[in-house]
Protein backbone atom coordinates (compact mmCIF):
# COMPACT_ATOMS: atom_id res chain seq x y z
CA MET A 1 0.00 0.00 0.00
CA ARG A 2 1.18 3.55 -0.69
CA ASP A 3 2.65 5.64 2.07
CA SER A 4 -0.87 6.98 2.50
CA SER A 5 -1.31 5.34 5.91
CA ARG A 6 0.90 8.08 7.27
CA LEU A 7 -1.01 10.73 5.35
CA THR A 8 -4.31 9.30 6.41
CA ARG A 9 -3.24 9.32 10.06
CA ARG A 10 -2.07 12.88 9.58
CA ALA A 11 -5.46 13.86 8.22
CA ALA A 12 -7.14 12.08 11.11
CA LEU A 13 -4.86 13.94 13.47
CA GLY A 14 -6.07 17.24 12.10
CA LEU A 15 -9.72 16.29 12.39
CA THR A 16 -9.24 14.90 15.90
CA ALA A 17 -7.35 17.94 17.11
CA ALA A 18 -9.83 20.39 15.69
CA ALA A 19 -12.78 18.50 17.13
CA LEU A 20 -11.47 19.01 20.65
CA PRO A 21 -13.31 21.95 22.24
CA LEU A 22 -10.69 24.66 22.71
CA SER A 23 -12.33 25.56 26.01
CA ALA A 24 -10.71 22.38 27.32
CA ALA A 25 -7.28 23.84 26.60
CA VAL A 26 -8.02 27.46 27.52
CA PRO A 27 -9.94 28.17 30.75
CA ALA A 28 -13.30 29.82 30.14
CA SER A 29 -13.80 33.35 31.40
CA ALA A 30 -16.40 36.06 30.86
CA ALA A 31 -18.07 35.77 27.47
CA THR A 32 -17.15 38.32 24.83
CA VAL A 33 -19.58 40.10 22.55
CA ILE A 34 -18.20 40.58 19.07
CA GLY A 35 -19.73 43.40 17.07
CA GLY A 36 -21.87 44.91 19.81
CA ASP A 37 -24.20 43.85 22.60
CA ARG A 38 -27.34 43.81 20.46
CA LEU A 39 -25.92 41.07 18.28
CA ALA A 40 -25.78 38.81 21.34
CA ARG A 41 -29.53 39.06 21.79
CA GLY A 42 -31.99 36.60 20.36
CA GLY A 43 -34.69 37.60 17.94
CA ILE A 44 -34.72 40.26 15.24
CA GLN A 45 -32.47 43.27 15.76
CA VAL A 46 -33.26 46.33 13.65
CA ASN A 47 -33.28 50.07 14.27
CA GLY A 48 -34.71 52.97 12.29
CA ALA A 49 -36.45 51.00 9.55
CA THR A 50 -39.56 48.89 9.10
CA GLY A 51 -40.98 46.42 6.64
CA LEU A 52 -38.58 43.53 7.07
CA PRO A 53 -39.62 40.49 4.99
CA ARG A 54 -42.11 38.41 6.95
CA LYS A 55 -41.42 34.98 5.49
CA ILE A 56 -37.88 34.49 6.73
CA THR A 57 -37.62 31.03 8.27
CA ALA A 58 -33.84 30.87 8.72
CA ARG A 59 -32.55 29.95 12.16
CA ALA A 60 -30.05 32.79 11.86
CA TRP A 61 -29.39 35.61 9.41
CA LEU A 62 -27.52 38.89 9.12
CA LEU A 63 -27.53 41.87 6.76
CA ALA A 64 -24.57 44.26 6.69
CA ASP A 65 -23.04 47.08 4.69
CA CYS A 66 -19.85 45.62 3.24
CA ASP A 67 -17.94 48.90 3.07
CA SER A 68 -18.76 50.41 6.47
CA GLY A 69 -19.16 47.12 8.31
CA GLU A 70 -22.42 48.29 9.87
CA VAL A 71 -24.86 45.50 10.68
CA LEU A 72 -28.24 46.78 9.51
CA ALA A 73 -30.42 43.93 10.78
CA SER A 74 -29.93 40.47 12.21
CA TYR A 75 -31.57 37.47 13.77
CA ASN A 76 -29.56 35.30 16.16
CA ALA A 77 -26.32 36.62 14.66
CA HIS A 78 -24.06 34.59 16.95
CA ARG A 79 -26.05 31.36 16.98
CA ARG A 80 -23.59 28.54 16.31
CA LEU A 81 -24.77 26.28 13.51
CA ALA A 82 -23.25 23.86 11.01
CA PRO A 83 -21.86 26.01 8.16
CA ALA A 84 -21.61 23.47 5.30
CA SER A 85 -19.56 24.77 2.38
CA THR A 86 -19.78 28.42 3.39
CA LEU A 87 -16.81 27.48 5.60
CA LYS A 88 -14.81 27.33 2.37
CA MET A 89 -14.70 31.14 2.55
CA LEU A 90 -12.49 30.81 5.63
CA PHE A 91 -10.43 28.19 3.80
CA ALA A 92 -9.88 30.70 0.99
CA ASP A 93 -9.10 33.50 3.45
CA THR A 94 -6.40 31.23 4.89
CA VAL A 95 -4.82 29.59 1.84
CA LEU A 96 -5.66 31.64 -1.27
CA THR A 97 -2.67 34.00 -1.15
CA LYS A 98 -0.10 31.22 -0.62
CA PHE A 99 0.09 30.04 -4.23
CA GLU A 100 0.32 31.87 -7.54
CA ARG A 101 -2.70 31.17 -9.70
CA THR A 102 -0.46 30.04 -12.58
CA GLU A 103 1.38 27.46 -10.45
CA ARG A 104 0.89 23.90 -11.71
CA TYR A 105 0.41 20.81 -9.57
CA LYS A 106 0.14 17.12 -10.52
CA VAL A 107 -2.41 15.43 -8.25
CA LYS A 108 -1.45 12.25 -6.40
CA ASP A 109 -3.76 9.53 -5.08
CA SER A 110 -2.91 10.55 -1.53
CA ASP A 111 -4.14 14.11 -2.15
CA ILE A 112 -7.75 12.98 -2.46
CA SER A 113 -7.75 9.70 -0.54
CA ASP A 114 -9.06 11.45 2.58
CA VAL A 115 -12.02 13.18 0.95
CA PRO A 116 -15.11 12.09 2.93
CA ALA A 117 -17.60 9.81 1.21
CA GLY A 118 -20.63 11.76 0.05
CA SER A 119 -18.65 14.92 -0.61
CA SER A 120 -19.44 17.37 -3.36
CA LEU A 121 -16.77 16.96 -6.04
CA VAL A 122 -15.52 18.89 -9.04
CA GLY A 123 -14.00 15.74 -10.54
CA ILE A 124 -10.28 15.89 -9.86
CA LYS A 125 -8.30 12.84 -11.01
CA PRO A 126 -4.87 11.65 -9.87
CA GLY A 127 -2.20 12.01 -12.53
CA ILE A 128 -3.69 15.15 -14.06
CA THR A 129 -1.86 18.45 -13.68
CA TYR A 130 -3.98 21.43 -12.69
CA THR A 131 -3.20 25.10 -12.27
CA VAL A 132 -3.92 26.68 -8.90
CA GLU A 133 -6.52 28.82 -10.64
CA GLN A 134 -8.37 25.70 -11.81
CA LEU A 135 -8.28 24.23 -8.31
CA TRP A 136 -9.82 27.39 -6.87
CA GLN A 137 -12.46 27.35 -9.59
CA GLY A 138 -13.28 23.85 -8.39
CA VAL A 139 -13.63 25.18 -4.84
CA PHE A 140 -15.75 28.24 -5.61
CA LEU A 141 -17.87 27.08 -8.54
CA ARG A 142 -18.55 23.42 -7.72
CA SER A 143 -17.79 23.50 -4.00
CA GLY A 144 -15.43 20.60 -4.67
CA ASN A 145 -14.12 18.98 -1.52
CA ASP A 146 -11.59 17.18 -3.73
CA ALA A 147 -10.16 20.57 -4.77
CA VAL A 148 -10.07 21.68 -1.12
CA HIS A 149 -8.12 18.58 -0.12
CA VAL A 150 -5.61 18.96 -2.95
CA LEU A 151 -4.93 22.57 -1.96
CA SER A 152 -4.74 21.53 1.70
CA HIS A 153 -2.08 18.94 0.92
CA MET A 154 -0.21 21.51 -1.14
CA ASN A 155 -0.37 23.67 1.98
CA GLY A 156 1.25 21.00 4.14
CA GLY A 157 -1.66 18.71 4.95
CA ILE A 158 -5.12 18.64 6.49
CA ALA A 159 -3.91 19.08 10.08
CA LYS A 160 -1.82 22.14 9.27
CA THR A 161 -4.60 23.70 7.22
CA VAL A 162 -7.24 23.15 9.89
CA ALA A 163 -4.98 24.70 12.52
CA GLU A 164 -4.24 27.69 10.29
CA MET A 165 -7.94 28.17 9.57
CA GLN A 166 -8.71 28.22 13.28
CA ALA A 167 -5.93 30.74 13.84
CA LYS A 168 -7.27 32.85 10.96
CA ALA A 169 -10.75 32.77 12.47
CA ALA A 170 -9.29 34.03 15.75
CA ASP A 171 -7.50 36.86 13.95
CA LEU A 172 -10.73 37.81 12.17
CA GLN A 173 -12.45 37.72 15.61
CA ALA A 174 -14.77 35.02 14.31
CA LEU A 175 -15.06 33.45 17.74
CA ASP A 176 -18.19 31.38 17.05
CA THR A 177 -16.29 29.25 14.56
CA HIS A 178 -14.81 25.84 15.33
CA VAL A 179 -13.01 24.23 12.40
CA VAL A 180 -12.89 20.44 12.15
CA SER A 181 -12.24 20.00 8.42
CA PRO A 182 -11.24 22.50 5.73
CA ASP A 183 -14.14 21.67 3.42
CA GLY A 184 -17.20 22.33 5.62
CA PHE A 185 -18.27 18.68 5.59
CA ASP A 186 -20.53 17.61 8.46
CA HIS A 187 -18.44 16.70 11.51
CA PRO A 188 -19.45 16.85 15.16
CA GLY A 189 -18.40 20.22 16.51
CA GLN A 190 -17.89 21.94 13.15
CA LEU A 191 -19.74 25.20 13.70
CA SER A 192 -19.91 28.84 12.73
CA SER A 193 -22.47 31.66 12.81
CA ALA A 194 -24.12 34.16 10.49
CA TYR A 195 -21.87 36.83 11.97
CA ASP A 196 -18.66 34.88 11.40
CA LEU A 197 -19.56 33.80 7.87
CA THR A 198 -20.21 37.44 6.98
CA LEU A 199 -16.80 38.34 8.41
CA PHE A 200 -15.20 35.68 6.19
CA ALA A 201 -16.93 37.03 3.10
CA ARG A 202 -16.08 40.66 3.83
CA HIS A 203 -12.44 39.85 4.43
CA GLY A 204 -12.16 37.66 1.34
CA LEU A 205 -13.74 40.22 -0.95
CA LYS A 206 -10.80 42.54 -0.33
CA ASP A 207 -8.76 40.12 -2.44
CA ASP A 208 -9.20 40.42 -6.20
CA ASP A 209 -8.74 36.70 -6.80
CA PHE A 210 -11.32 35.77 -4.14
CA ARG A 211 -13.81 38.19 -5.64
CA GLY A 212 -13.08 36.97 -9.15
CA TYR A 213 -13.53 33.30 -8.31
CA CYS A 214 -16.78 33.75 -6.39
CA SER A 215 -18.31 35.79 -9.22
CA THR A 216 -17.35 33.36 -12.00
CA ARG A 217 -20.40 31.68 -13.52
CA THR A 218 -18.77 28.99 -15.70
CA ALA A 219 -15.29 27.65 -16.43
CA ASP A 220 -13.64 24.91 -18.45
CA PHE A 221 -12.10 22.25 -16.23
CA PRO A 222 -9.40 19.70 -17.23
CA ALA A 223 -10.57 16.17 -17.95
CA GLY A 224 -7.20 14.73 -18.97
CA GLY A 225 -5.14 15.20 -22.09
CA LYS A 226 -6.54 18.09 -24.06
CA LYS A 227 -10.10 17.40 -22.99
CA THR A 228 -12.12 19.71 -20.74
CA PHE A 229 -15.63 19.87 -19.36
CA GLN A 230 -17.63 22.88 -18.31
CA ILE A 231 -18.42 23.55 -14.67
CA GLN A 232 -21.11 25.98 -13.53
CA ASN A 233 -21.35 27.90 -10.29
CA THR A 234 -23.89 26.35 -7.91
CA ASP A 235 -24.94 29.81 -6.64
CA ARG A 236 -28.43 30.01 -8.13
CA LEU A 237 -28.80 33.77 -7.66
CA LEU A 238 -25.64 34.24 -9.71
CA THR A 239 -26.58 31.88 -12.55
CA GLY A 240 -30.38 32.00 -12.50
CA ALA A 241 -30.69 28.23 -12.11
CA TRP A 242 -33.54 26.17 -10.63
CA GLY A 243 -36.24 28.63 -11.73
CA LEU A 244 -34.67 31.68 -10.11
CA ASP A 245 -33.83 34.93 -11.85
CA VAL A 246 -30.30 36.25 -11.71
CA TYR A 247 -30.25 38.73 -8.84
CA LYS A 248 -29.39 42.21 -10.10
CA GLY A 249 -26.00 43.30 -8.86
CA LEU A 250 -25.09 40.00 -7.20
CA PHE A 251 -21.41 38.94 -7.35
CA GLY A 252 -21.26 35.80 -5.18
CA VAL A 253 -20.18 34.83 -2.52
CA LYS A 254 -20.58 31.18 -1.36
CA ASN A 255 -23.39 28.70 -0.88
CA GLY A 256 -23.47 25.39 0.93
CA TYR A 257 -25.60 22.35 1.57
CA THR A 258 -25.24 19.23 3.69
CA SER A 259 -27.80 16.76 4.90
CA HIS A 260 -27.33 18.07 8.44
CA ALA A 261 -26.88 21.81 7.90
CA GLY A 262 -29.46 22.07 5.18
CA ASN A 263 -28.83 25.19 3.12
CA THR A 264 -26.49 28.02 4.04
CA PHE A 265 -25.56 31.03 1.93
CA THR A 266 -23.64 34.27 2.07
CA GLY A 267 -24.46 36.56 -0.82
CA GLY A 268 -23.24 40.00 -1.81
CA ALA A 269 -24.72 42.54 -4.20
CA THR A 270 -24.00 46.11 -5.28
CA ARG A 271 -26.64 48.62 -6.32
CA GLY A 272 -26.39 52.38 -6.57
CA GLY A 273 -22.83 52.34 -5.28
CA ARG A 274 -23.76 50.45 -2.12
CA THR A 275 -22.62 46.89 -1.40
CA LEU A 276 -24.58 44.70 0.99
CA LEU A 277 -23.79 41.27 2.42
CA VAL A 278 -26.40 38.79 3.62
CA THR A 279 -25.87 35.48 5.37
CA VAL A 280 -28.78 33.06 5.76
CA MET A 281 -28.42 29.81 7.72
CA HIS A 282 -30.74 26.82 7.97
CA PRO A 283 -34.07 28.04 6.55
CA ALA A 284 -37.06 25.71 6.61
CA PRO A 285 -36.71 23.09 3.85
CA SER A 286 -37.82 24.38 0.47
CA THR A 287 -36.26 24.14 -2.97
CA ASN A 288 -34.95 27.71 -3.20
CA ALA A 289 -35.59 29.02 0.32
CA VAL A 290 -32.04 30.08 1.13
CA TYR A 291 -31.78 32.07 -2.10
CA GLU A 292 -35.27 33.55 -1.93
CA GLN A 293 -34.74 34.70 1.63
CA THR A 294 -31.33 36.15 0.77
CA ALA A 295 -32.86 38.05 -2.14
CA ALA A 296 -35.69 39.32 0.07
CA LEU A 297 -33.25 40.65 2.67
CA LEU A 298 -31.12 42.28 -0.02
CA ASP A 299 -34.24 43.88 -1.54
CA TRP A 300 -35.13 45.26 1.88
CA GLY A 301 -31.61 46.54 2.45
CA PHE A 302 -31.55 48.40 -0.85
CA GLY A 303 -35.12 49.67 -0.32
CA LYS A 304 -36.96 50.17 2.96
CA GLY A 305 -33.89 49.25 4.94
CA SER A 306 -31.81 52.08 3.47
CA SER A 307 -32.75 54.16 6.52
CA ALA A 308 -31.74 51.46 9.00
CA ARG A 309 -29.27 52.48 11.67
CA SER A 310 -26.53 50.19 12.86
CA VAL A 311 -27.33 47.50 15.40
CA GLY A 312 -23.75 46.24 15.41
CA THR A 313 -20.48 46.16 13.53
CA LEU A 314 -18.44 43.71 11.50
CA VAL A 315 -15.16 44.06 13.36
CA ASP A 316 -11.76 44.37 11.73
CA PRO A 317 -9.09 41.66 11.98
CA LEU A 318 -6.67 42.00 14.88
CA SER A 319 -3.78 41.91 12.42
CA GLU A 320 -5.23 44.96 10.67
CA GLY A 321 -5.68 47.05 13.79
CA GLY A 322 -9.00 45.64 14.95
CA VAL A 323 -9.80 46.24 18.60
CA SER A 324 -10.02 43.15 20.75
CA ALA A 325 -13.46 42.66 22.23
CA GLY A 326 -13.84 42.88 26.00
CA PRO A 327 -16.13 41.00 28.40
CA SER A 328 -19.81 41.49 27.83
CA PRO A 329 -21.47 43.86 30.32
CA THR A 330 -24.68 41.88 29.78
CA LYS A 331 -23.23 38.46 30.47
CA GLY A 332 -26.02 35.93 30.73
CA LYS A 333 -28.74 38.13 29.30
CA GLY A 334 -27.70 37.71 25.69
CA ALA A 335 -27.45 33.96 25.82
CA ALA A 336 -30.64 33.56 27.78
CA GLY A 337 -32.53 35.88 25.48
CA ALA A 338 -31.31 34.10 22.39
CA ALA A 339 -32.23 30.72 23.76
CA GLY A 340 -35.70 31.92 24.64
CA THR A 341 -36.51 33.66 21.40
CA GLY A 342 -34.57 31.71 18.79
CA ALA A 343 -36.02 30.07 15.73
CA ALA A 344 -37.61 26.68 15.99
CA GLY A 345 -35.24 23.80 16.47
CA SER A 346 -32.27 23.38 18.67
CA GLY A 347 -29.12 25.43 18.46
CA SER A 348 -26.83 27.38 20.67
CA SER A 349 -27.05 31.12 20.64
CA GLY A 350 -25.76 34.14 22.39
CA PRO A 351 -22.15 35.32 22.44
CA SER A 352 -19.33 32.87 21.97
CA ALA A 353 -17.04 31.88 24.82
CA TRP A 354 -14.08 31.46 22.50
CA ARG A 355 -11.11 33.44 23.70
CA LEU A 356 -9.20 35.80 21.48
CA ALA A 357 -6.09 34.49 23.20
CA GLU A 358 -6.60 31.22 21.36
CA GLY A 359 -5.48 32.88 18.15
CA GLY A 360 -1.83 32.99 19.08
CA ALA A 361 -1.66 29.48 20.51
CA VAL A 362 -4.24 27.68 18.37
CA THR A 363 -1.81 25.81 16.14
CA LEU A 364 0.18 24.30 19.02
CA ALA A 365 -2.97 23.58 21.01
CA LEU A 366 -4.69 21.81 18.11
CA LEU A 367 -1.72 19.73 17.01
CA GLY A 368 -0.65 18.86 20.55
CA ALA A 369 -4.14 17.74 21.52
CA GLY A 370 -4.47 15.74 18.31
CA ALA A 371 -1.18 13.95 18.90
CA TRP A 372 -2.27 12.99 22.41
CA ALA A 373 -5.59 11.70 21.08
CA LEU A 374 -3.92 9.65 18.36
CA ARG A 375 -1.51 8.01 20.83
CA ARG A 376 -4.44 7.24 23.12
CA ARG A 377 -6.32 5.68 20.23
CA ARG A 378 -3.40 3.39 19.46
CA ARG A 379 -3.31 2.25 23.10
CA THR A 380 -7.04 1.69 23.38
CA SER A 381 -8.49 -0.66 20.79
CA GLY A 382 -11.81 0.54 19.43
CA ALA A 383 -11.80 3.78 21.40
CA GLY A 384 -12.81 6.98 19.61
CA ALA A 385 -10.02 9.52 19.06
CA GLY A 386 -10.25 12.83 20.87
CA ALA A 387 -12.95 14.46 22.92
CA GLU A 388 -15.53 14.72 20.18
CA THR A 389 -19.18 15.26 20.83
CA GLY A 390 -21.38 12.50 19.47
CA ALA A 391 -23.47 12.61 16.35
CA GLY A 392 -26.77 14.32 16.93
CA THR A 393 -25.34 17.03 19.18
CA GLU A 394 -24.57 20.67 18.60
CA VAL A 395 -21.74 22.24 20.51
CA ALA A 396 -22.76 25.36 22.35
CA ALA A 397 -20.40 28.21 23.12
CA GLY A 398 -17.69 27.00 25.46
CA GLY A 399 -17.98 23.38 24.37
CA ALA A 400 -21.24 22.34 26.06
CA ALA A 401 -23.28 19.93 23.97
CA VAL A 402 -26.96 20.40 23.24
CA PRO A 403 -29.20 18.24 21.04
CA GLY A 404 -29.52 18.79 17.35
CA ALA A 405 -26.31 18.55 15.32
CA GLY A 406 -23.48 16.41 14.14
CA ALA A 407 -25.08 13.88 11.79
CA ALA A 408 -22.73 12.86 9.01
CA ALA A 409 -23.72 13.45 5.41
CA VAL A 410 -24.22 10.70 2.88
CA PRO A 411 -23.80 10.70 -0.90
CA GLY A 412 -25.93 12.97 -3.03
CA SER A 413 -25.99 16.17 -5.04
CA ALA A 414 -23.42 18.89 -4.49
CA ASP A 415 -26.12 21.53 -4.28
CA ALA A 416 -29.28 19.63 -3.58
CA PRO A 417 -32.43 21.68 -2.98
CA ALA A 418 -33.49 21.61 0.63
CA GLY A 419 -36.45 19.40 1.15
CA SER A 420 -35.85 17.44 -2.02
CA GLY A 421 -34.97 14.27 -0.18
CA ASP A 422 -31.44 14.36 -1.54
CA THR A 423 -28.47 14.38 0.74
CA ALA A 424 -25.17 16.02 0.05
CA ALA A 425 -21.98 17.22 1.60
CA GLY A 426 -20.14 20.47 1.41
């Protein structure tokens, strides 16, 4: 057998390490509120405008001005939910600038041997040489977990990439996010929030390549030799697929679907010189619900919501002069309010208990914990590696488990409509 057993163990090490709640390594203290106290509250937050769309069923959503960073309206902004492939925005924020787009790479079997069964795929084949640009097209257009894993191995492996993504999230002050795999596939403990996903999009859009990839509708992808096949972006508001019209002014950013997360989407559009970002997570199952609700919120933002006053802020990265958030003066109230007024279904809400201090030490903490778990697994036959929560649980802020998350995805469509009966990953 190839030397993939070592690579496979390395990949498992990354997943094990990242699945460990970081609160176990860093003592919990007073919760922080990122972006303002109102964003820690449950229920709709809006100020100075009326007429919000009534038929919004998402468990969490957020609308913000991309340029100013002002949050114009939100619902359970910090509720921690499974992100699906919208987590690929953080992957791009972490890895995109490391390789020139013209760089060429010949894919090995080991590069894609650890792609989870049931993943969305662009169709990468071992032995074929791809440019970095083509790999990123596979990530952004087809949400290809195979492309993510190839780029991760180019970056030094799954474990290294997961650790760097967690460190990047800490720098962006995306403290609701816990990274388990780089592709967004369903894993126990893999969580983010509408607030954090919007941070990822806003940060990524500052990069011309990120913006170019997420706005690309179609591309020709290598099939071996001189043959190619066309791939189309799975963002239905960008392409007008599945009976939807192309949304005027929309330029991306990233959609996602898994059998556990359902549909998630962060979309951005520019009209009249104003750019708005919307993130919608886990709407009630319906073929186009995540896109229809995103469009409705964008319509409101460009129309009746143009008079809305800020209810919070998308903070700047610490590495770019962002101010570190302090302890919440309303500790307890935000979490309790969110839990009492959240959307139907289980899910943690309120401010995250992740510490900003984790950013500097996250790589060592993740890899050290993973190594301990792997050694323990070797000593104990049949024991599960690491301190993972079980399937069917959702990890609340600080690592506490509550019912409702963690089911693994099974094979299906890369962008299956919610409620269709299909299952998918990434």
